[in-house]
C-alpha atoms as a PDB file:
ATOM      1  CA  MET A   1       5.652 -20.071  -6.435  1.00  0.00           C
ATOM      2  CA  LYS A   2       3.010 -17.548  -5.476  1.00  0.00           C
ATOM      3  CA  THR A   3       1.106 -18.493  -2.335  1.00  0.00           C
ATOM      4  CA  THR A   4      -0.323 -15.168  -1.145  1.00  0.00           C
ATOM      5  CA  GLU A   5      -3.086 -13.028  -2.606  1.00  0.00           C
ATOM      6  CA  LYS A   6      -1.626  -9.590  -3.136  1.00  0.00           C
ATOM      7  CA  VAL A   7      -3.066  -6.092  -3.418  1.00  0.00           C
ATOM      8  CA  ILE A   8      -0.864  -3.338  -4.800  1.00  0.00           C
ATOM      9  CA  ILE A   9      -1.790   0.188  -3.682  1.00  0.00           C
ATOM     10  CA  LEU A  10      -0.579   2.845  -6.100  1.00  0.00           C
ATOM     11  CA  ASP A  11       0.299   5.965  -4.141  1.00  0.00           C
ATOM     12  CA  PHE A  12      -0.709   9.266  -5.752  1.00  0.00           C
ATOM     13  CA  GLY A  13       0.355  11.311  -2.742  1.00  0.00           C
ATOM     14  CA  GLY A  14      -2.784  10.917  -0.668  1.00  0.00           C
ATOM     15  CA  GLN A  15      -2.652  11.479   3.068  1.00  0.00           C
ATOM     16  CA  TYR A  16      -4.504   8.227   3.730  1.00  0.00           C
ATOM     17  CA  THR A  17      -2.428   5.832   1.606  1.00  0.00           C
ATOM     18  CA  GLN A  18      -0.831   4.140   4.607  1.00  0.00           C
ATOM     19  CA  LEU A  19      -4.250   3.903   6.228  1.00  0.00           C
ATOM     20  CA  ILE A  20      -5.626   2.094   3.170  1.00  0.00           C
ATOM     21  CA  ALA A  21      -2.824  -0.447   3.546  1.00  0.00           C
ATOM     22  CA  ARG A  22      -3.590  -0.840   7.229  1.00  0.00           C
ATOM     23  CA  ARG A  23      -7.266  -1.518   6.544  1.00  0.00           C
ATOM     24  CA  VAL A  24      -6.447  -4.089   3.863  1.00  0.00           C
ATOM     25  CA  ARG A  25      -4.113  -5.901   6.240  1.00  0.00           C
ATOM     26  CA  GLU A  26      -6.705  -5.757   9.015  1.00  0.00           C
ATOM     27  CA  LEU A  27      -8.968  -7.632   6.606  1.00  0.00           C
ATOM     28  CA  LYS A  28      -6.238 -10.289   6.369  1.00  0.00           C
ATOM     29  CA  VAL A  29      -5.088  -9.584   2.837  1.00  0.00           C
ATOM     30  CA  TYR A  30      -1.449  -8.953   1.983  1.00  0.00           C
ATOM     31  CA  CYS A  31      -0.690  -5.614   0.337  1.00  0.00           C
ATOM     32  CA  GLU A  32       2.200  -3.445  -0.769  1.00  0.00           C
ATOM     33  CA  ILE A  33       2.422   0.255  -1.604  1.00  0.00           C
ATOM     34  CA  MET A  34       4.152   1.290  -4.816  1.00  0.00           C
ATOM     35  CA  PRO A  35       4.614   4.771  -6.333  1.00  0.00           C
ATOM     36  CA  TYR A  36       2.111   5.814  -8.990  1.00  0.00           C
ATOM     37  CA  ASN A  37       4.868   6.072 -11.621  1.00  0.00           C
ATOM     38  CA  VAL A  38       6.127   2.515 -11.187  1.00  0.00           C
ATOM     39  CA  SER A  39       6.874   1.024 -14.585  1.00  0.00           C
ATOM     40  CA  TYR A  40       4.469  -1.359 -16.250  1.00  0.00           C
ATOM     41  CA  ALA A  41       7.147  -4.064 -16.274  1.00  0.00           C
ATOM     42  CA  GLU A  42       7.828  -3.676 -12.553  1.00  0.00           C
ATOM     43  CA  LEU A  43       4.155  -3.708 -11.614  1.00  0.00           C
ATOM     44  CA  ARG A  44       3.504  -6.722 -13.780  1.00  0.00           C
ATOM     45  CA  ALA A  45       6.466  -8.517 -12.188  1.00  0.00           C
ATOM     46  CA  ALA A  46       4.946  -7.800  -8.769  1.00  0.00           C
ATOM     47  CA  ALA A  47       1.977  -9.924  -9.913  1.00  0.00           C
ATOM     48  CA  PRO A  48      -0.864  -8.107  -8.129  1.00  0.00           C
ATOM     49  CA  ASP A  49      -4.231  -9.798  -7.772  1.00  0.00           C
ATOM     50  CA  ALA A  50      -5.931  -6.408  -7.357  1.00  0.00           C
ATOM     51  CA  LEU A  51      -5.053  -2.727  -7.554  1.00  0.00           C
ATOM     52  CA  ILE A  52      -6.158   0.171  -5.368  1.00  0.00           C
ATOM     53  CA  LEU A  53      -5.553   3.695  -6.667  1.00  0.00           C
ATOM     54  CA  SER A  54      -5.087   6.027  -3.710  1.00  0.00           C
ATOM     55  CA  GLY A  55      -6.291   9.551  -3.188  1.00  0.00           C
ATOM     56  CA  GLY A  56      -4.184  12.616  -3.870  1.00  0.00           C
ATOM     57  CA  SER A  57      -4.319  16.394  -3.813  1.00  0.00           C
ATOM     58  CA  ALA A  58      -3.807  17.072  -7.530  1.00  0.00           C
ATOM     59  CA  SER A  59      -6.342  17.672 -10.305  1.00  0.00           C
ATOM     60  CA  VAL A  60      -6.191  15.020 -13.005  1.00  0.00           C
ATOM     61  CA  TYR A  61      -6.564  17.642 -15.742  1.00  0.00           C
ATOM     62  CA  ALA A  62      -3.751  19.860 -14.413  1.00  0.00           C
ATOM     63  CA  PRO A  63      -0.338  19.866 -16.153  1.00  0.00           C
ATOM     64  CA  GLY A  64       2.045  17.532 -14.370  1.00  0.00           C
ATOM     65  CA  ALA A  65      -0.688  15.726 -12.451  1.00  0.00           C
ATOM     66  CA  PRO A  66       0.386  12.237 -11.328  1.00  0.00           C
ATOM     67  CA  ARG A  67      -0.724   9.638 -13.875  1.00  0.00           C
ATOM     68  CA  CYS A  68      -0.026   5.940 -14.090  1.00  0.00           C
ATOM     69  CA  ASP A  69       0.677   3.818 -17.141  1.00  0.00           C
ATOM     70  CA  ILE A  70      -2.712   3.238 -18.756  1.00  0.00           C
ATOM     71  CA  ARG A  71      -1.730  -0.371 -19.442  1.00  0.00           C
ATOM     72  CA  PHE A  72      -2.280  -1.040 -15.734  1.00  0.00           C
ATOM     73  CA  TYR A  73      -5.970  -1.380 -16.565  1.00  0.00           C
ATOM     74  CA  GLU A  74      -5.102  -4.265 -18.899  1.00  0.00           C
ATOM     75  CA  LEU A  75      -3.736  -6.506 -16.153  1.00  0.00           C
ATOM     76  CA  ALA A  76      -7.136  -8.229 -15.848  1.00  0.00           C
ATOM     77  CA  VAL A  77      -7.353  -7.691 -12.079  1.00  0.00           C
ATOM     78  CA  PRO A  78      -9.980  -5.831 -10.017  1.00  0.00           C
ATOM     79  CA  VAL A  79      -9.299  -2.117  -9.557  1.00  0.00           C
ATOM     80  CA  LEU A  80     -10.658   0.213  -6.868  1.00  0.00           C
ATOM     81  CA  GLY A  81     -10.068   3.946  -7.276  1.00  0.00           C
ATOM     82  CA  ILE A  82     -10.476   6.099  -4.160  1.00  0.00           C
ATOM     83  CA  CYS A  83     -11.021   9.880  -4.418  1.00  0.00           C
ATOM     84  CA  TYR A  84      -8.286  11.041  -6.834  1.00  0.00           C
ATOM     85  CA  GLY A  85      -7.944   7.396  -7.854  1.00  0.00           C
ATOM     86  CA  MET A  86     -11.569   7.352  -9.004  1.00  0.00           C
ATOM     87  CA  GLN A  87     -11.127  10.625 -10.897  1.00  0.00           C
ATOM     88  CA  LEU A  88      -8.016   9.269 -12.595  1.00  0.00           C
ATOM     89  CA  MET A  89      -9.823   6.087 -13.561  1.00  0.00           C
ATOM     90  CA  ALA A  90     -12.658   8.125 -15.039  1.00  0.00           C
ATOM     91  CA  ALA A  91     -10.274  10.329 -17.018  1.00  0.00           C
ATOM     92  CA  ASP A  92      -8.192   7.386 -18.248  1.00  0.00           C
ATOM     93  CA  LEU A  93     -11.163   5.305 -19.379  1.00  0.00           C
ATOM     94  CA  GLY A  94     -13.147   7.933 -21.266  1.00  0.00           C
ATOM     95  CA  GLY A  95     -15.140   9.745 -18.604  1.00  0.00           C
ATOM     96  CA  MET A  96     -15.044  13.429 -17.702  1.00  0.00           C
ATOM     97  CA  VAL A  97     -13.566  15.122 -14.631  1.00  0.00           C
ATOM     98  CA  GLN A  98     -14.047  18.783 -13.843  1.00  0.00           C
ATOM     99  CA  GLU A  99     -13.853  21.248 -10.997  1.00  0.00           C
ATOM    100  CA  GLY A 100     -16.909  20.841  -8.809  1.00  0.00           C
ATOM    101  CA  LEU A 101     -19.407  23.615  -8.236  1.00  0.00           C
ATOM    102  CA  TYR A 102     -19.351  22.619  -4.580  1.00  0.00           C
ATOM    103  CA  GLN A 103     -16.333  21.342  -2.701  1.00  0.00           C
ATOM    104  CA  GLU A 104     -17.033  18.693  -0.104  1.00  0.00           C
ATOM    105  CA  TYR A 105     -14.920  18.276   3.000  1.00  0.00           C
ATOM    106  CA  GLY A 106     -16.033  16.261   5.997  1.00  0.00           C
ATOM    107  CA  LYS A 107     -18.936  13.974   6.779  1.00  0.00           C
ATOM    108  CA  THR A 108     -21.452  13.829   3.958  1.00  0.00           C
ATOM    109  CA  ASN A 109     -24.746  12.031   3.452  1.00  0.00           C
ATOM    110  CA  LEU A 110     -24.635   9.734   0.447  1.00  0.00           C
ATOM    111  CA  TYR A 111     -27.280   7.670  -1.291  1.00  0.00           C
ATOM    112  CA  VAL A 112     -27.069   4.302  -2.997  1.00  0.00           C
ATOM    113  CA  ARG A 113     -28.166   4.872  -6.598  1.00  0.00           C
ATOM    114  CA  GLU A 114     -27.901   1.302  -7.851  1.00  0.00           C
ATOM    115  CA  ASN A 115     -27.260  -2.076  -6.255  1.00  0.00           C
ATOM    116  CA  SER A 116     -23.647  -3.166  -6.376  1.00  0.00           C
ATOM    117  CA  GLU A 117     -21.602  -5.907  -4.756  1.00  0.00           C
ATOM    118  CA  LEU A 118     -19.299  -3.181  -3.498  1.00  0.00           C
ATOM    119  CA  LEU A 119     -22.088  -1.637  -1.415  1.00  0.00           C
ATOM    120  CA  THR A 120     -23.665  -4.861  -0.161  1.00  0.00           C
ATOM    121  CA  GLY A 121     -24.868  -4.317   3.403  1.00  0.00           C
ATOM    122  CA  VAL A 122     -24.714  -0.520   3.135  1.00  0.00           C
ATOM    123  CA  ASP A 123     -27.913   1.402   3.921  1.00  0.00           C
ATOM    124  CA  GLU A 124     -29.705   3.292   1.146  1.00  0.00           C
ATOM    125  CA  GLU A 125     -28.577   6.479   2.889  1.00  0.00           C
ATOM    126  CA  PHE A 126     -25.187   6.402   4.571  1.00  0.00           C
ATOM    127  CA  THR A 127     -22.519   8.717   5.931  1.00  0.00           C
ATOM    128  CA  ALA A 128     -19.050   8.942   4.416  1.00  0.00           C
ATOM    129  CA  TRP A 129     -16.002  11.191   4.553  1.00  0.00           C
ATOM    130  CA  MET A 130     -15.475  13.422   1.540  1.00  0.00           C
ATOM    131  CA  SER A 131     -12.375  15.478   0.755  1.00  0.00           C
ATOM    132  CA  HIS A 132     -12.477  16.744  -2.811  1.00  0.00           C
ATOM    133  CA  GLY A 133     -12.814  19.805  -5.000  1.00  0.00           C
ATOM    134  CA  ASP A 134     -12.991  18.084  -8.394  1.00  0.00           C
ATOM    135  CA  GLN A 135     -15.608  15.549  -9.364  1.00  0.00           C
ATOM    136  CA  VAL A 136     -16.451  13.033 -12.047  1.00  0.00           C
ATOM    137  CA  ALA A 137     -18.945  14.781 -14.312  1.00  0.00           C
ATOM    138  CA  ALA A 138     -19.473  11.795 -16.617  1.00  0.00           C
ATOM    139  CA  ALA A 139     -18.666   8.166 -15.894  1.00  0.00           C
ATOM    140  CA  PRO A 140     -16.650   6.239 -18.496  1.00  0.00           C
ATOM    141  CA  PRO A 141     -18.519   4.095 -21.042  1.00  0.00           C
ATOM    142  CA  GLY A 142     -19.792   0.889 -19.452  1.00  0.00           C
ATOM    143  CA  PHE A 143     -19.822   2.285 -15.915  1.00  0.00           C
ATOM    144  CA  THR A 144     -22.953   2.766 -13.834  1.00  0.00           C
ATOM    145  CA  VAL A 145     -23.401   5.250 -11.006  1.00  0.00           C
ATOM    146  CA  ILE A 146     -23.800   3.387  -7.715  1.00  0.00           C
ATOM    147  CA  ALA A 147     -23.690   6.274  -5.202  1.00  0.00           C
ATOM    148  CA  GLY A 148     -24.105  10.027  -5.051  1.00  0.00           C
ATOM    149  CA  SER A 149     -24.645  12.963  -2.719  1.00  0.00           C
ATOM    150  CA  ASN A 150     -26.672  16.148  -2.999  1.00  0.00           C
ATOM    151  CA  ASN A 151     -23.648  17.967  -4.393  1.00  0.00           C
ATOM    152  CA  THR A 152     -21.810  15.125  -6.136  1.00  0.00           C
ATOM    153  CA  ALA A 153     -23.873  13.173  -8.622  1.00  0.00           C
ATOM    154  CA  ILE A 154     -21.207  10.496  -9.081  1.00  0.00           C
ATOM    155  CA  ALA A 155     -19.749   9.520  -5.704  1.00  0.00           C
ATOM    156  CA  GLY A 156     -19.425   5.882  -6.687  1.00  0.00           C
ATOM    157  CA  MET A 157     -19.219   4.085 -10.021  1.00  0.00           C
ATOM    158  CA  ALA A 158     -18.883   0.492 -11.136  1.00  0.00           C
ATOM    159  CA  GLU A 159     -18.062  -1.585 -14.180  1.00  0.00           C
ATOM    160  CA  PRO A 160     -18.687  -5.105 -12.830  1.00  0.00           C
ATOM    161  CA  LYS A 161     -17.616  -6.962 -15.974  1.00  0.00           C
ATOM    162  CA  ARG A 162     -14.005  -5.833 -15.576  1.00  0.00           C
ATOM    163  CA  LYS A 163     -14.369  -5.449 -11.802  1.00  0.00           C
ATOM    164  CA  PHE A 164     -13.514  -1.746 -11.929  1.00  0.00           C
ATOM    165  CA  PHE A 165     -14.914   0.401  -9.127  1.00  0.00           C
ATOM    166  CA  GLY A 166     -14.506   3.997  -8.023  1.00  0.00           C
ATOM    167  CA  LEU A 167     -15.405   5.828  -4.812  1.00  0.00           C
ATOM    168  CA  GLN A 168     -15.225   9.583  -4.400  1.00  0.00           C
ATOM    169  CA  PHE A 169     -15.361   9.191  -0.622  1.00  0.00           C
ATOM    170  CA  HIS A 170     -12.813   7.584   1.702  1.00  0.00           C
ATOM    171  CA  PRO A 171     -13.813   4.120   2.976  1.00  0.00           C
ATOM    172  CA  GLU A 172     -10.527   3.746   4.852  1.00  0.00           C
ATOM    173  CA  VAL A 173     -11.200   6.413   7.514  1.00  0.00           C
ATOM    174  CA  ILE A 174     -13.222   5.852  10.674  1.00  0.00           C
ATOM    175  CA  HIS A 175     -15.503   8.759   9.718  1.00  0.00           C
ATOM    176  CA  THR A 176     -17.034   6.452   7.091  1.00  0.00           C
ATOM    177  CA  PRO A 177     -18.845   4.006   9.417  1.00  0.00           C
ATOM    178  CA  LYS A 178     -19.450   1.401   6.703  1.00  0.00           C
ATOM    179  CA  GLY A 179     -16.056   1.947   5.101  1.00  0.00           C
ATOM    180  CA  LYS A 180     -14.450  -1.233   6.359  1.00  0.00           C
ATOM    181  CA  LEU A 181     -17.466  -3.215   5.152  1.00  0.00           C
ATOM    182  CA  ILE A 182     -17.083  -1.653   1.705  1.00  0.00           C
ATOM    183  CA  LEU A 183     -13.393  -2.570   1.580  1.00  0.00           C
ATOM    184  CA  SER A 184     -14.295  -6.055   2.788  1.00  0.00           C
ATOM    185  CA  ASN A 185     -16.812  -6.326  -0.057  1.00  0.00           C
ATOM    186  CA  PHE A 186     -14.127  -5.361  -2.560  1.00  0.00           C
ATOM    187  CA  LEU A 187     -11.612  -7.855  -1.221  1.00  0.00           C
ATOM    188  CA  GLY A 188     -14.011 -10.693  -0.431  1.00  0.00           C
ATOM    189  CA  ARG A 189     -16.949 -10.458  -2.818  1.00  0.00           C
ATOM    190  CA  ILE A 190     -15.297  -8.871  -5.843  1.00  0.00           C
ATOM    191  CA  CYS A 191     -11.720 -10.131  -5.617  1.00  0.00           C
ATOM    192  CA  ALA A 192     -12.791 -13.422  -3.970  1.00  0.00           C
ATOM    193  CA  PHE A 193      -9.787 -13.358  -1.647  1.00  0.00           C
ATOM    194  CA  SER A 194      -9.641 -15.938   1.123  1.00  0.00           C
ATOM    195  CA  GLY A 195      -8.705 -13.375   3.788  1.00  0.00           C
ATOM    196  CA  ASN A 196      -6.372 -15.708   5.677  1.00  0.00           C
ATOM    197  CA  TRP A 197      -3.166 -13.662   5.608  1.00  0.00           C
ATOM    198  CA  THR A 198      -1.523 -12.750   8.888  1.00  0.00           C
ATOM    199  CA  MET A 199       1.832 -11.237   9.767  1.00  0.00           C
ATOM    200  CA  GLU A 200       2.800 -14.564  11.332  1.00  0.00           C
ATOM    201  CA  ASN A 201       2.074 -16.333   8.047  1.00  0.00           C
ATOM    202  CA  PHE A 202       4.053 -13.669   6.206  1.00  0.00           C
ATOM    203  CA  VAL A 203       7.106 -14.235   8.403  1.00  0.00           C
ATOM    204  CA  GLU A 204       6.884 -18.004   7.952  1.00  0.00           C
ATOM    205  CA  SER A 205       6.449 -17.818   4.180  1.00  0.00           C
ATOM    206  CA  SER A 206       9.244 -15.239   3.876  1.00  0.00           C
ATOM    207  CA  ALA A 207      11.599 -17.444   5.877  1.00  0.00           C
ATOM    208  CA  ALA A 208      10.763 -20.413   3.663  1.00  0.00           C
ATOM    209  CA  GLU A 209      11.395 -18.332   0.546  1.00  0.00           C
ATOM    210  CA  ILE A 210      14.740 -17.140   1.941  1.00  0.00           C
ATOM    211  CA  ARG A 211      15.796 -20.721   2.707  1.00  0.00           C
ATOM    212  CA  GLY A 212      14.966 -21.666  -0.859  1.00  0.00           C
ATOM    213  CA  MET A 213      17.104 -18.853  -2.267  1.00  0.00           C
ATOM    214  CA  ILE A 214      20.120 -19.448  -0.012  1.00  0.00           C
ATOM    215  CA  GLY A 215      20.297 -23.210  -0.008  1.00  0.00           C
ATOM    216  CA  PRO A 216      20.996 -25.725   2.775  1.00  0.00           C
ATOM    217  CA  THR A 217      24.663 -24.964   3.556  1.00  0.00           C
ATOM    218  CA  GLU A 218      25.606 -21.492   2.332  1.00  0.00           C
ATOM    219  CA  LYS A 219      26.316 -18.633   4.717  1.00  0.00           C
ATOM    220  CA  VAL A 220      25.088 -15.050   4.461  1.00  0.00           C
ATOM    221  CA  VAL A 221      26.853 -11.838   5.469  1.00  0.00           C
ATOM    222  CA  CYS A 222      24.580  -8.927   6.423  1.00  0.00           C
ATOM    223  CA  GLY A 223      25.703  -5.359   6.989  1.00  0.00           C
ATOM    224  CA  LEU A 224      23.719  -4.288  10.045  1.00  0.00           C
ATOM    225  CA  SER A 225      23.282  -0.581  10.756  1.00  0.00           C
ATOM    226  CA  GLY A 226      20.740  -0.918  13.534  1.00  0.00           C
ATOM    227  CA  GLY A 227      18.091   0.805  11.440  1.00  0.00           C
ATOM    228  CA  VAL A 228      14.712  -0.634  10.548  1.00  0.00           C
ATOM    229  CA  ASP A 229      15.542  -1.965   7.073  1.00  0.00           C
ATOM    230  CA  SER A 230      18.689  -3.908   7.930  1.00  0.00           C
ATOM    231  CA  ALA A 231      17.263  -5.025  11.280  1.00  0.00           C
ATOM    232  CA  VAL A 232      14.139  -6.545   9.723  1.00  0.00           C
ATOM    233  CA  ALA A 233      16.180  -8.149   6.943  1.00  0.00           C
ATOM    234  CA  ALA A 234      18.580  -9.644   9.479  1.00  0.00           C
ATOM    235  CA  ALA A 235      15.765 -10.935  11.683  1.00  0.00           C
ATOM    236  CA  LEU A 236      14.043 -12.652   8.753  1.00  0.00           C
ATOM    237  CA  VAL A 237      17.234 -14.223   7.427  1.00  0.00           C
ATOM    238  CA  HIS A 238      18.192 -15.351  10.933  1.00  0.00           C
ATOM    239  CA  GLN A 239      14.815 -17.022  11.350  1.00  0.00           C
ATOM    240  CA  ALA A 240      15.385 -18.775   8.029  1.00  0.00           C
ATOM    241  CA  ILE A 241      18.977 -20.015   8.406  1.00  0.00           C
ATOM    242  CA  GLY A 242      19.970 -19.399  12.026  1.00  0.00           C
ATOM    243  CA  GLU A 243      23.699 -19.337  12.816  1.00  0.00           C
ATOM    244  CA  ARG A 244      24.650 -19.391   9.126  1.00  0.00           C
ATOM    245  CA  LEU A 245      23.896 -15.654   9.137  1.00  0.00           C
ATOM    246  CA  VAL A 246      26.831 -13.410  10.077  1.00  0.00           C
ATOM    247  CA  CYS A 247      25.951  -9.784  10.827  1.00  0.00           C
ATOM    248  CA  ILE A 248      28.602  -7.069  10.780  1.00  0.00           C
ATOM    249  CA  PHE A 249      27.977  -3.849  12.678  1.00  0.00           C
ATOM    250  CA  VAL A 250      30.423  -0.981  12.152  1.00  0.00           C
ATOM    251  CA  ASP A 251      30.739   1.754  14.766  1.00  0.00           C
ATOM    252  CA  HIS A 252      31.861   4.712  12.657  1.00  0.00           C
ATOM    253  CA  GLY A 253      32.110   7.089  15.576  1.00  0.00           C
ATOM    254  CA  LEU A 254      29.004   9.079  14.709  1.00  0.00           C
ATOM    255  CA  LEU A 255      26.423   7.011  16.552  1.00  0.00           C
ATOM    256  CA  ARG A 256      24.135   8.318  19.249  1.00  0.00           C
ATOM    257  CA  LYS A 257      25.219   7.793  22.840  1.00  0.00           C
ATOM    258  CA  GLY A 258      24.637   4.188  23.845  1.00  0.00           C
ATOM    259  CA  GLU A 259      23.533   3.130  20.348  1.00  0.00           C
ATOM    260  CA  LYS A 260      26.358   0.631  19.845  1.00  0.00           C
ATOM    261  CA  ASP A 261      25.567  -1.121  23.125  1.00  0.00           C
ATOM    262  CA  ALA A 262      21.846  -1.150  22.282  1.00  0.00           C
ATOM    263  CA  VAL A 263      22.491  -2.827  18.926  1.00  0.00           C
ATOM    264  CA  ILE A 264      24.768  -5.436  20.485  1.00  0.00           C
ATOM    265  CA  ASP A 265      22.289  -6.131  23.284  1.00  0.00           C
ATOM    266  CA  THR A 266      19.390  -6.492  20.874  1.00  0.00           C
ATOM    267  CA  PHE A 267      20.959  -8.698  18.223  1.00  0.00           C
ATOM    268  CA  ARG A 268      23.712 -10.622  19.981  1.00  0.00           C
ATOM    269  CA  ARG A 269      22.333 -11.087  23.470  1.00  0.00           C
ATOM    270  CA  ASN A 270      18.553 -10.949  23.000  1.00  0.00           C
ATOM    271  CA  LEU A 271      18.177 -12.465  19.515  1.00  0.00           C
ATOM    272  CA  ASN A 272      21.257 -14.699  19.794  1.00  0.00           C
ATOM    273  CA  MET A 273      22.610 -13.660  16.395  1.00  0.00           C
ATOM    274  CA  ASN A 274      26.166 -14.136  15.204  1.00  0.00           C
ATOM    275  CA  LEU A 275      27.151 -10.452  15.344  1.00  0.00           C
ATOM    276  CA  ILE A 276      30.603  -9.015  14.716  1.00  0.00           C
ATOM    277  CA  ALA A 277      30.981  -5.471  16.051  1.00  0.00           C
ATOM    278  CA  VAL A 278      33.776  -3.416  14.485  1.00  0.00           C
ATOM    279  CA  ASP A 279      35.089  -0.286  16.196  1.00  0.00           C
ATOM    280  CA  ALA A 280      36.196   1.909  13.285  1.00  0.00           C
ATOM    281  CA  GLY A 281      35.407   5.277  14.827  1.00  0.00           C
ATOM    282  CA  GLY A 282      39.002   6.469  14.798  1.00  0.00           C
ATOM    283  CA  GLU A 283      39.459   5.706  11.106  1.00  0.00           C
ATOM    284  CA  PHE A 284      36.235   7.426  10.079  1.00  0.00           C
ATOM    285  CA  LEU A 285      36.867  10.508  12.202  1.00  0.00           C
ATOM    286  CA  ASN A 286      40.430  10.850  10.881  1.00  0.00           C
ATOM    287  CA  LEU A 287      39.156  10.762   7.309  1.00  0.00           C
ATOM    288  CA  LEU A 288      36.498  13.330   8.168  1.00  0.00           C
ATOM    289  CA  ARG A 289      38.968  15.698   9.789  1.00  0.00           C
ATOM    290  CA  GLY A 290      38.664  19.117   8.151  1.00  0.00           C
ATOM    291  CA  VAL A 291      35.515  18.212   6.209  1.00  0.00           C
ATOM    292  CA  THR A 292      32.808  20.855   6.631  1.00  0.00           C
END
């Protein structure tokens, strides 16, 4: 059963993709990052309630440019394209993207061209961070231009009926003073999200989901390396089922100095987990003898 509103951010290689995710979570909405070339079936199975298309350094008209499955636009969820994401949306939906006469990098003065829910509370003239060489020369059919600059006629576009929006600038960076407000407008006004997600709620809901999958009596064995992935997985499962989790940590003889003791201290002594530590260093090193 789905209990959390979810944003999927499609990553087109932009330097600010992780920052977009951080801003969304700061606004108390759950989000995940997926690669731009995720399959339609996988994205649909993820059941997003909104999509954000990230920035990127490519040109949408260049051979080999990152493109997503065009059926993503048929999921009937709000979509926000940022920088490259806006250009891709324009190209995919019948607009025109071309190399700009003027490249814009840094703080830029922009102007609201038409009222939009996305820009509610934003001054008629506002400052935003631009980082682009290409630009949308013609918006797709059905879109209106909601923002522009002296050098970029289409710095924002909207198709409210389908809840599709594009921004040439970066609302996620601190150099766009009203950026967080704009993202809040997208999540709150356009997507109508409740904005009540927290990491604490995520841990609780994840633990409940894990309990449902495992059952009331079964045990779980977890291979624990001490790295982030297995450590987080072990911590969540332990919170869900307690002592029914058995973690196995194998010392293969190639660990950093003191790493074995640190893992044991953290998981057995501090977190009170059922941890079995196996010293297999001799076996591994014998098998590796002569390997170069």
